[in-house]
């Protein structure tokens, strides 16, 4: 079929129009998705401006102990990514990234309790007092957050640290500890499992931290005793 010159112009115009419509629609879809994504991100930052985001487990003090022998004089805590560290390459924590991500607080994991506490008290919270503030109460957490400081909370990693003694537990409380995990790498004779937060089934994955079947069966049996009434 031979098209007239007029038909060719009409078809060309329709093609251009269709291209423009498709292009505009694609552009609108991409823009809307990007706009929606940015809106969600902005909303998240707005929430974090008024509500502290707490990192529940931070090994920074242990990292400083193992790599810098608790010496922080020459340590640039604003840029920890510059250091090649043992088992941490690079360090996951520094002030710059904490600020960028609007982290409101850190729970510092005190595995080597006394040495780690010395690092935290004397080095981090003292030398960077304009950035960090140690908190022992909910009110102190709010005060630190309202003054734009990052809250420092202290944790004992494993109930074996108190050696079954409430006197030691009270001593740690006086030192500023406000949070203690029940077991970590060691069992404790007095603890009763609530959840297995860092474990899978040992029979499925042979790892020392995973839970043996006989323990899982005990948990199931205990739950059945609670639910079955005589």
C-alpha atoms as a PDB file:
ATOM      1  CA  UNK A   1       0.000   0.000   0.000  1.00  0.00           C
ATOM      2  CA  UNK A   2       1.355   3.406  -1.014  1.00  0.00           C
ATOM      3  CA  UNK A   3       0.836   6.132   1.586  1.00  0.00           C
ATOM      4  CA  UNK A   4       0.154   9.653   0.531  1.00  0.00           C
ATOM      5  CA  UNK A   5       2.337  12.468   1.786  1.00  0.00           C
ATOM      6  CA  UNK A   6      -0.503  13.646   4.039  1.00  0.00           C
ATOM      7  CA  UNK A   7      -0.876  10.180   5.624  1.00  0.00           C
ATOM      8  CA  UNK A   8       2.841  10.041   6.301  1.00  0.00           C
ATOM      9  CA  UNK A   9       2.682  13.361   8.150  1.00  0.00           C
ATOM     10  CA  UNK A  10      -0.301  12.133  10.192  1.00  0.00           C
ATOM     11  CA  UNK A  11       1.446   8.862  11.150  1.00  0.00           C
ATOM     12  CA  UNK A  12       4.615  10.722  12.066  1.00  0.00           C
ATOM     13  CA  UNK A  13       2.618  13.085  14.262  1.00  0.00           C
ATOM     14  CA  UNK A  14       0.834  10.201  15.983  1.00  0.00           C
ATOM     15  CA  UNK A  15       4.172   8.436  16.614  1.00  0.00           C
ATOM     16  CA  UNK A  16       5.673  11.562  18.151  1.00  0.00           C
ATOM     17  CA  UNK A  17       2.573  12.072  20.291  1.00  0.00           C
ATOM     18  CA  UNK A  18       2.643   8.462  21.525  1.00  0.00           C
ATOM     19  CA  UNK A  19       6.350   8.752  22.343  1.00  0.00           C
ATOM     20  CA  UNK A  20       5.722  11.901  24.337  1.00  0.00           C
ATOM     21  CA  UNK A  21       2.807  10.333  26.235  1.00  0.00           C
ATOM     22  CA  UNK A  22       4.773   7.172  27.064  1.00  0.00           C
ATOM     23  CA  UNK A  23       7.847   9.190  28.046  1.00  0.00           C
ATOM     24  CA  UNK A  24       5.835  11.505  30.273  1.00  0.00           C
ATOM     25  CA  UNK A  25       4.075   8.561  31.961  1.00  0.00           C
ATOM     26  CA  UNK A  26       7.364   6.776  32.627  1.00  0.00           C
ATOM     27  CA  UNK A  27       8.848   9.993  33.967  1.00  0.00           C
ATOM     28  CA  UNK A  28       5.866  10.528  36.268  1.00  0.00           C
ATOM     29  CA  UNK A  29       6.113   6.941  37.590  1.00  0.00           C
ATOM     30  CA  UNK A  30       9.860   7.258  38.269  1.00  0.00           C
ATOM     31  CA  UNK A  31       9.392  10.692  39.853  1.00  0.00           C
ATOM     32  CA  UNK A  32       6.526   9.488  42.041  1.00  0.00           C
ATOM     33  CA  UNK A  33       8.529   6.496  43.256  1.00  0.00           C
ATOM     34  CA  UNK A  34      11.552   8.662  43.992  1.00  0.00           C
ATOM     35  CA  UNK A  35       9.387  11.317  45.621  1.00  0.00           C
ATOM     36  CA  UNK A  36       7.631   8.702  47.769  1.00  0.00           C
ATOM     37  CA  UNK A  37      10.977   7.212  48.811  1.00  0.00           C
ATOM     38  CA  UNK A  38      12.339  10.621  49.768  1.00  0.00           C
ATOM     39  CA  UNK A  39       9.170  11.393  51.672  1.00  0.00           C
ATOM     40  CA  UNK A  40       9.513   8.194  53.726  1.00  0.00           C
ATOM     41  CA  UNK A  41      13.169   8.995  54.448  1.00  0.00           C
ATOM     42  CA  UNK A  42      12.305  12.531  55.501  1.00  0.00           C
ATOM     43  CA  UNK A  43       9.515  11.217  57.715  1.00  0.00           C
ATOM     44  CA  UNK A  44      11.944   8.782  59.356  1.00  0.00           C
ATOM     45  CA  UNK A  45      14.408  11.586  60.116  1.00  0.00           C
ATOM     46  CA  UNK A  46      11.581  13.700  61.528  1.00  0.00           C
ATOM     47  CA  UNK A  47      10.632  10.860  63.876  1.00  0.00           C
ATOM     48  CA  UNK A  48      14.255  10.472  65.000  1.00  0.00           C
ATOM     49  CA  UNK A  49      14.463  14.189  65.789  1.00  0.00           C
ATOM     50  CA  UNK A  50      11.957  13.705  68.613  1.00  0.00           C
ATOM     51  CA  UNK A  51      12.464  10.054  69.573  1.00  0.00           C
ATOM     52  CA  UNK A  52      15.863   8.562  70.500  1.00  0.00           C
ATOM     53  CA  UNK A  53      16.939   5.547  68.457  1.00  0.00           C
ATOM     54  CA  UNK A  54      18.921   3.253  70.796  1.00  0.00           C
ATOM     55  CA  UNK A  55      21.505   0.802  69.453  1.00  0.00           C
ATOM     56  CA  UNK A  56      21.036  -2.192  71.747  1.00  0.00           C
ATOM     57  CA  UNK A  57      24.516  -3.735  71.399  1.00  0.00           C
ATOM     58  CA  UNK A  58      27.770  -1.901  70.743  1.00  0.00           C
ATOM     59  CA  UNK A  59      31.261  -3.441  71.068  1.00  0.00           C
ATOM     60  CA  UNK A  60      33.168  -0.174  70.636  1.00  0.00           C
ATOM     61  CA  UNK A  61      34.801  -0.309  74.081  1.00  0.00           C
ATOM     62  CA  UNK A  62      36.059  -3.867  73.514  1.00  0.00           C
ATOM     63  CA  UNK A  63      37.361  -2.785  70.114  1.00  0.00           C
ATOM     64  CA  UNK A  64      39.315   0.063  71.759  1.00  0.00           C
ATOM     65  CA  UNK A  65      40.689  -2.328  74.377  1.00  0.00           C
ATOM     66  CA  UNK A  66      41.865  -4.936  71.850  1.00  0.00           C
ATOM     67  CA  UNK A  67      43.306  -2.528  69.289  1.00  0.00           C
ATOM     68  CA  UNK A  68      44.414   0.522  71.276  1.00  0.00           C
ATOM     69  CA  UNK A  69      45.005  -0.922  74.782  1.00  0.00           C
ATOM     70  CA  UNK A  70      42.438   1.548  76.153  1.00  0.00           C
ATOM     71  CA  UNK A  71      44.546   4.502  74.942  1.00  0.00           C
ATOM     72  CA  UNK A  72      42.340   7.032  73.201  1.00  0.00           C
ATOM     73  CA  UNK A  73      44.664  10.064  73.104  1.00  0.00           C
ATOM     74  CA  UNK A  74      45.623   9.483  69.472  1.00  0.00           C
ATOM     75  CA  UNK A  75      42.289   7.949  68.515  1.00  0.00           C
ATOM     76  CA  UNK A  76      40.051   9.841  66.093  1.00  0.00           C
ATOM     77  CA  UNK A  77      36.601   8.748  67.180  1.00  0.00           C
ATOM     78  CA  UNK A  78      35.068  10.884  64.435  1.00  0.00           C
ATOM     79  CA  UNK A  79      36.552   8.645  61.731  1.00  0.00           C
ATOM     80  CA  UNK A  80      37.111   5.061  62.864  1.00  0.00           C
ATOM     81  CA  UNK A  81      36.936   3.795  59.274  1.00  0.00           C
ATOM     82  CA  UNK A  82      40.556   4.879  58.749  1.00  0.00           C
ATOM     83  CA  UNK A  83      41.942   2.186  61.075  1.00  0.00           C
ATOM     84  CA  UNK A  84      42.661  -1.429  60.158  1.00  0.00           C
ATOM     85  CA  UNK A  85      41.435  -3.186  63.274  1.00  0.00           C
ATOM     86  CA  UNK A  86      41.553  -6.743  64.547  1.00  0.00           C
ATOM     87  CA  UNK A  87      38.289  -8.488  63.567  1.00  0.00           C
ATOM     88  CA  UNK A  88      36.716  -5.110  62.743  1.00  0.00           C
ATOM     89  CA  UNK A  89      37.512  -3.723  59.294  1.00  0.00           C
ATOM     90  CA  UNK A  90      36.509  -0.968  59.443  1.00  0.00           C
ATOM     91  CA  UNK A  91      34.980  -0.105  62.805  1.00  0.00           C
ATOM     92  CA  UNK A  92      31.180   0.033  62.562  1.00  0.00           C
ATOM     93  CA  UNK A  93      30.968   2.985  64.953  1.00  0.00           C
ATOM     94  CA  UNK A  94      32.227   6.547  64.884  1.00  0.00           C
ATOM     95  CA  UNK A  95      30.750   9.906  65.825  1.00  0.00           C
ATOM     96  CA  UNK A  96      30.320  11.078  62.238  1.00  0.00           C
ATOM     97  CA  UNK A  97      28.144   8.122  61.262  1.00  0.00           C
ATOM     98  CA  UNK A  98      26.232   8.176  64.546  1.00  0.00           C
ATOM     99  CA  UNK A  99      25.300  11.793  63.853  1.00  0.00           C
ATOM    100  CA  UNK A 100      24.475  11.163  60.201  1.00  0.00           C
ATOM    101  CA  UNK A 101      22.110   8.335  61.120  1.00  0.00           C
ATOM    102  CA  UNK A 102      20.662  10.248  64.093  1.00  0.00           C
ATOM    103  CA  UNK A 103      21.466   7.517  66.606  1.00  0.00           C
ATOM    104  CA  UNK A 104      20.185   8.659  69.986  1.00  0.00           C
ATOM    105  CA  UNK A 105      22.024   6.215  72.220  1.00  0.00           C
ATOM    106  CA  UNK A 106      24.320   3.212  72.557  1.00  0.00           C
ATOM    107  CA  UNK A 107      24.155   0.227  74.892  1.00  0.00           C
ATOM    108  CA  UNK A 108      27.836  -0.604  75.403  1.00  0.00           C
ATOM    109  CA  UNK A 109      28.588  -4.286  75.794  1.00  0.00           C
ATOM    110  CA  UNK A 110      30.896  -4.769  78.798  1.00  0.00           C
ATOM    111  CA  UNK A 111      32.353  -8.244  78.402  1.00  0.00           C
ATOM    112  CA  UNK A 112      35.669  -7.537  80.137  1.00  0.00           C
ATOM    113  CA  UNK A 113      33.723  -5.624  82.739  1.00  0.00           C
ATOM    114  CA  UNK A 114      36.159  -3.552  84.797  1.00  0.00           C
ATOM    115  CA  UNK A 115      38.612  -2.756  81.990  1.00  0.00           C
ATOM    116  CA  UNK A 116      35.808  -1.918  79.607  1.00  0.00           C
ATOM    117  CA  UNK A 117      34.119   0.320  82.162  1.00  0.00           C
ATOM    118  CA  UNK A 118      37.378   2.209  82.673  1.00  0.00           C
ATOM    119  CA  UNK A 119      37.557   2.826  78.934  1.00  0.00           C
ATOM    120  CA  UNK A 120      33.981   4.037  78.807  1.00  0.00           C
ATOM    121  CA  UNK A 121      34.054   6.254  81.880  1.00  0.00           C
ATOM    122  CA  UNK A 122      37.503   7.796  81.566  1.00  0.00           C
ATOM    123  CA  UNK A 123      37.912   7.957  77.814  1.00  0.00           C
ATOM    124  CA  UNK A 124      34.761   8.075  75.731  1.00  0.00           C
ATOM    125  CA  UNK A 125      32.361   9.914  78.039  1.00  0.00           C
ATOM    126  CA  UNK A 126      35.013  12.248  79.480  1.00  0.00           C
ATOM    127  CA  UNK A 127      37.078  13.133  76.415  1.00  0.00           C
ATOM    128  CA  UNK A 128      33.971  13.446  74.233  1.00  0.00           C
ATOM    129  CA  UNK A 129      31.636  14.929  76.842  1.00  0.00           C
ATOM    130  CA  UNK A 130      30.198  17.309  74.243  1.00  0.00           C
ATOM    131  CA  UNK A 131      29.031  14.271  72.246  1.00  0.00           C
ATOM    132  CA  UNK A 132      28.312  11.464  74.740  1.00  0.00           C
ATOM    133  CA  UNK A 133      26.580  11.381  78.102  1.00  0.00           C
ATOM    134  CA  UNK A 134      26.396   8.436  80.477  1.00  0.00           C
ATOM    135  CA  UNK A 135      22.818   7.789  81.604  1.00  0.00           C
ATOM    136  CA  UNK A 136      21.580   5.699  84.523  1.00  0.00           C
ATOM    137  CA  UNK A 137      17.884   6.611  84.503  1.00  0.00           C
ATOM    138  CA  UNK A 138      15.149   7.253  81.960  1.00  0.00           C
ATOM    139  CA  UNK A 139      15.193  10.923  82.945  1.00  0.00           C
ATOM    140  CA  UNK A 140      18.929  11.157  82.222  1.00  0.00           C
ATOM    141  CA  UNK A 141      18.307   9.563  78.821  1.00  0.00           C
ATOM    142  CA  UNK A 142      15.763  12.283  78.042  1.00  0.00           C
ATOM    143  CA  UNK A 143      18.108  15.019  79.299  1.00  0.00           C
ATOM    144  CA  UNK A 144      20.960  13.789  77.112  1.00  0.00           C
ATOM    145  CA  UNK A 145      18.703  13.528  74.072  1.00  0.00           C
ATOM    146  CA  UNK A 146      17.288  17.017  74.612  1.00  0.00           C
ATOM    147  CA  UNK A 147      20.825  18.464  74.764  1.00  0.00           C
ATOM    148  CA  UNK A 148      21.778  16.692  71.494  1.00  0.00           C
ATOM    149  CA  UNK A 149      24.141  14.243  73.179  1.00  0.00           C
ATOM    150  CA  UNK A 150      24.358  10.547  72.365  1.00  0.00           C
ATOM    151  CA  UNK A 151      23.304   8.481  75.368  1.00  0.00           C
ATOM    152  CA  UNK A 152      25.748   5.919  76.786  1.00  0.00           C
ATOM    153  CA  UNK A 153      24.139   2.955  78.555  1.00  0.00           C
ATOM    154  CA  UNK A 154      26.127   0.090  80.083  1.00  0.00           C
ATOM    155  CA  UNK A 155      25.445  -3.629  79.758  1.00  0.00           C
ATOM    156  CA  UNK A 156      26.992  -6.738  81.302  1.00  0.00           C
ATOM    157  CA  UNK A 157      27.269  -9.414  78.637  1.00  0.00           C
ATOM    158  CA  UNK A 158      26.386 -12.537  80.560  1.00  0.00           C
ATOM    159  CA  UNK A 159      24.971 -13.264  84.010  1.00  0.00           C
ATOM    160  CA  UNK A 160      27.998 -15.396  84.894  1.00  0.00           C
ATOM    161  CA  UNK A 161      29.766 -12.100  85.698  1.00  0.00           C
ATOM    162  CA  UNK A 162      27.912 -11.790  89.021  1.00  0.00           C
ATOM    163  CA  UNK A 163      28.870 -15.372  90.033  1.00  0.00           C
ATOM    164  CA  UNK A 164      25.412 -15.945  91.478  1.00  0.00           C
ATOM    165  CA  UNK A 165      25.874 -13.097  93.971  1.00  0.00           C
ATOM    166  CA  UNK A 166      23.384 -10.270  94.460  1.00  0.00           C
ATOM    167  CA  UNK A 167      26.139  -8.321  96.215  1.00  0.00           C
ATOM    168  CA  UNK A 168      28.149  -8.242  92.981  1.00  0.00           C
ATOM    169  CA  UNK A 169      24.991  -7.302  91.086  1.00  0.00           C
ATOM    170  CA  UNK A 170      24.446  -4.348  93.443  1.00  0.00           C
ATOM    171  CA  UNK A 171      28.099  -3.329  92.980  1.00  0.00           C
ATOM    172  CA  UNK A 172      27.691  -3.268  89.208  1.00  0.00           C
ATOM    173  CA  UNK A 173      24.531  -1.202  89.658  1.00  0.00           C
ATOM    174  CA  UNK A 174      26.512   1.360  91.659  1.00  0.00           C
ATOM    175  CA  UNK A 175      29.069   1.446  88.824  1.00  0.00           C
ATOM    176  CA  UNK A 176      26.346   2.434  86.372  1.00  0.00           C
ATOM    177  CA  UNK A 177      25.246  -0.908  84.901  1.00  0.00           C
ATOM    178  CA  UNK A 178      21.544  -0.936  84.090  1.00  0.00           C
ATOM    179  CA  UNK A 179      21.182  -3.957  81.828  1.00  0.00           C
ATOM    180  CA  UNK A 180      22.447  -7.543  82.004  1.00  0.00           C
ATOM    181  CA  UNK A 181      21.907 -10.407  79.586  1.00  0.00           C
ATOM    182  CA  UNK A 182      21.211 -13.716  81.335  1.00  0.00           C
ATOM    183  CA  UNK A 183      23.627 -16.046  79.493  1.00  0.00           C
ATOM    184  CA  UNK A 184      26.112 -15.192  76.749  1.00  0.00           C
ATOM    185  CA  UNK A 185      28.838 -17.738  76.008  1.00  0.00           C
ATOM    186  CA  UNK A 186      28.357 -19.437  79.376  1.00  0.00           C
ATOM    187  CA  UNK A 187      25.367 -20.943  81.154  1.00  0.00           C
ATOM    188  CA  UNK A 188      24.161 -19.621  84.494  1.00  0.00           C
ATOM    189  CA  UNK A 189      22.581 -21.993  87.044  1.00  0.00           C
ATOM    190  CA  UNK A 190      19.895 -19.512  88.097  1.00  0.00           C
ATOM    191  CA  UNK A 191      18.601 -18.265  84.750  1.00  0.00           C
ATOM    192  CA  UNK A 192      15.306 -19.331  83.212  1.00  0.00           C
ATOM    193  CA  UNK A 193      15.134 -18.895  79.426  1.00  0.00           C
ATOM    194  CA  UNK A 194      12.617 -16.367  78.180  1.00  0.00           C
ATOM    195  CA  UNK A 195      13.722 -16.235  74.552  1.00  0.00           C
ATOM    196  CA  UNK A 196      16.651 -17.588  72.544  1.00  0.00           C
ATOM    197  CA  UNK A 197      17.674 -14.357  70.855  1.00  0.00           C
ATOM    198  CA  UNK A 198      20.968 -15.435  69.233  1.00  0.00           C
ATOM    199  CA  UNK A 199      20.297 -19.115  68.605  1.00  0.00           C
ATOM    200  CA  UNK A 200      18.907 -21.615  66.136  1.00  0.00           C
ATOM    201  CA  UNK A 201      18.232 -25.347  66.463  1.00  0.00           C
ATOM    202  CA  UNK A 202      21.483 -27.256  67.031  1.00  0.00           C
ATOM    203  CA  UNK A 203      20.223 -30.298  65.105  1.00  0.00           C
ATOM    204  CA  UNK A 204      19.780 -28.103  62.017  1.00  0.00           C
ATOM    205  CA  UNK A 205      22.953 -26.058  62.433  1.00  0.00           C
ATOM    206  CA  UNK A 206      25.833 -27.528  64.436  1.00  0.00           C
ATOM    207  CA  UNK A 207      27.089 -24.458  66.310  1.00  0.00           C
ATOM    208  CA  UNK A 208      27.910 -24.101  70.000  1.00  0.00           C
ATOM    209  CA  UNK A 209      25.521 -21.165  70.412  1.00  0.00           C
ATOM    210  CA  UNK A 210      22.542 -23.075  69.061  1.00  0.00           C
ATOM    211  CA  UNK A 211      20.023 -24.848  71.276  1.00  0.00           C
ATOM    212  CA  UNK A 212      20.043 -28.618  71.728  1.00  0.00           C
ATOM    213  CA  UNK A 213      16.827 -30.546  71.081  1.00  0.00           C
ATOM    214  CA  UNK A 214      16.488 -31.681  74.706  1.00  0.00           C
ATOM    215  CA  UNK A 215      16.473 -28.029  75.846  1.00  0.00           C
ATOM    216  CA  UNK A 216      13.874 -27.092  73.243  1.00  0.00           C
ATOM    217  CA  UNK A 217      11.732 -30.025  74.389  1.00  0.00           C
ATOM    218  CA  UNK A 218      11.978 -28.806  77.996  1.00  0.00           C
ATOM    219  CA  UNK A 219      10.772 -25.362  76.942  1.00  0.00           C
ATOM    220  CA  UNK A 220       7.841 -26.923  75.074  1.00  0.00           C
ATOM    221  CA  UNK A 221       7.003 -29.084  78.097  1.00  0.00           C
ATOM    222  CA  UNK A 222       7.040 -26.052  80.408  1.00  0.00           C
ATOM    223  CA  UNK A 223       4.724 -24.142  78.096  1.00  0.00           C
ATOM    224  CA  UNK A 224       2.339 -27.111  77.952  1.00  0.00           C
ATOM    225  CA  UNK A 225       2.242 -27.264  81.752  1.00  0.00           C
ATOM    226  CA  UNK A 226       1.230 -23.601  81.830  1.00  0.00           C
ATOM    227  CA  UNK A 227      -1.557 -24.013  79.286  1.00  0.00           C
ATOM    228  CA  UNK A 228      -3.016 -27.386  80.370  1.00  0.00           C
ATOM    229  CA  UNK A 229      -5.216 -26.963  83.433  1.00  0.00           C
ATOM    230  CA  UNK A 230      -6.050 -29.927  85.740  1.00  0.00           C
END
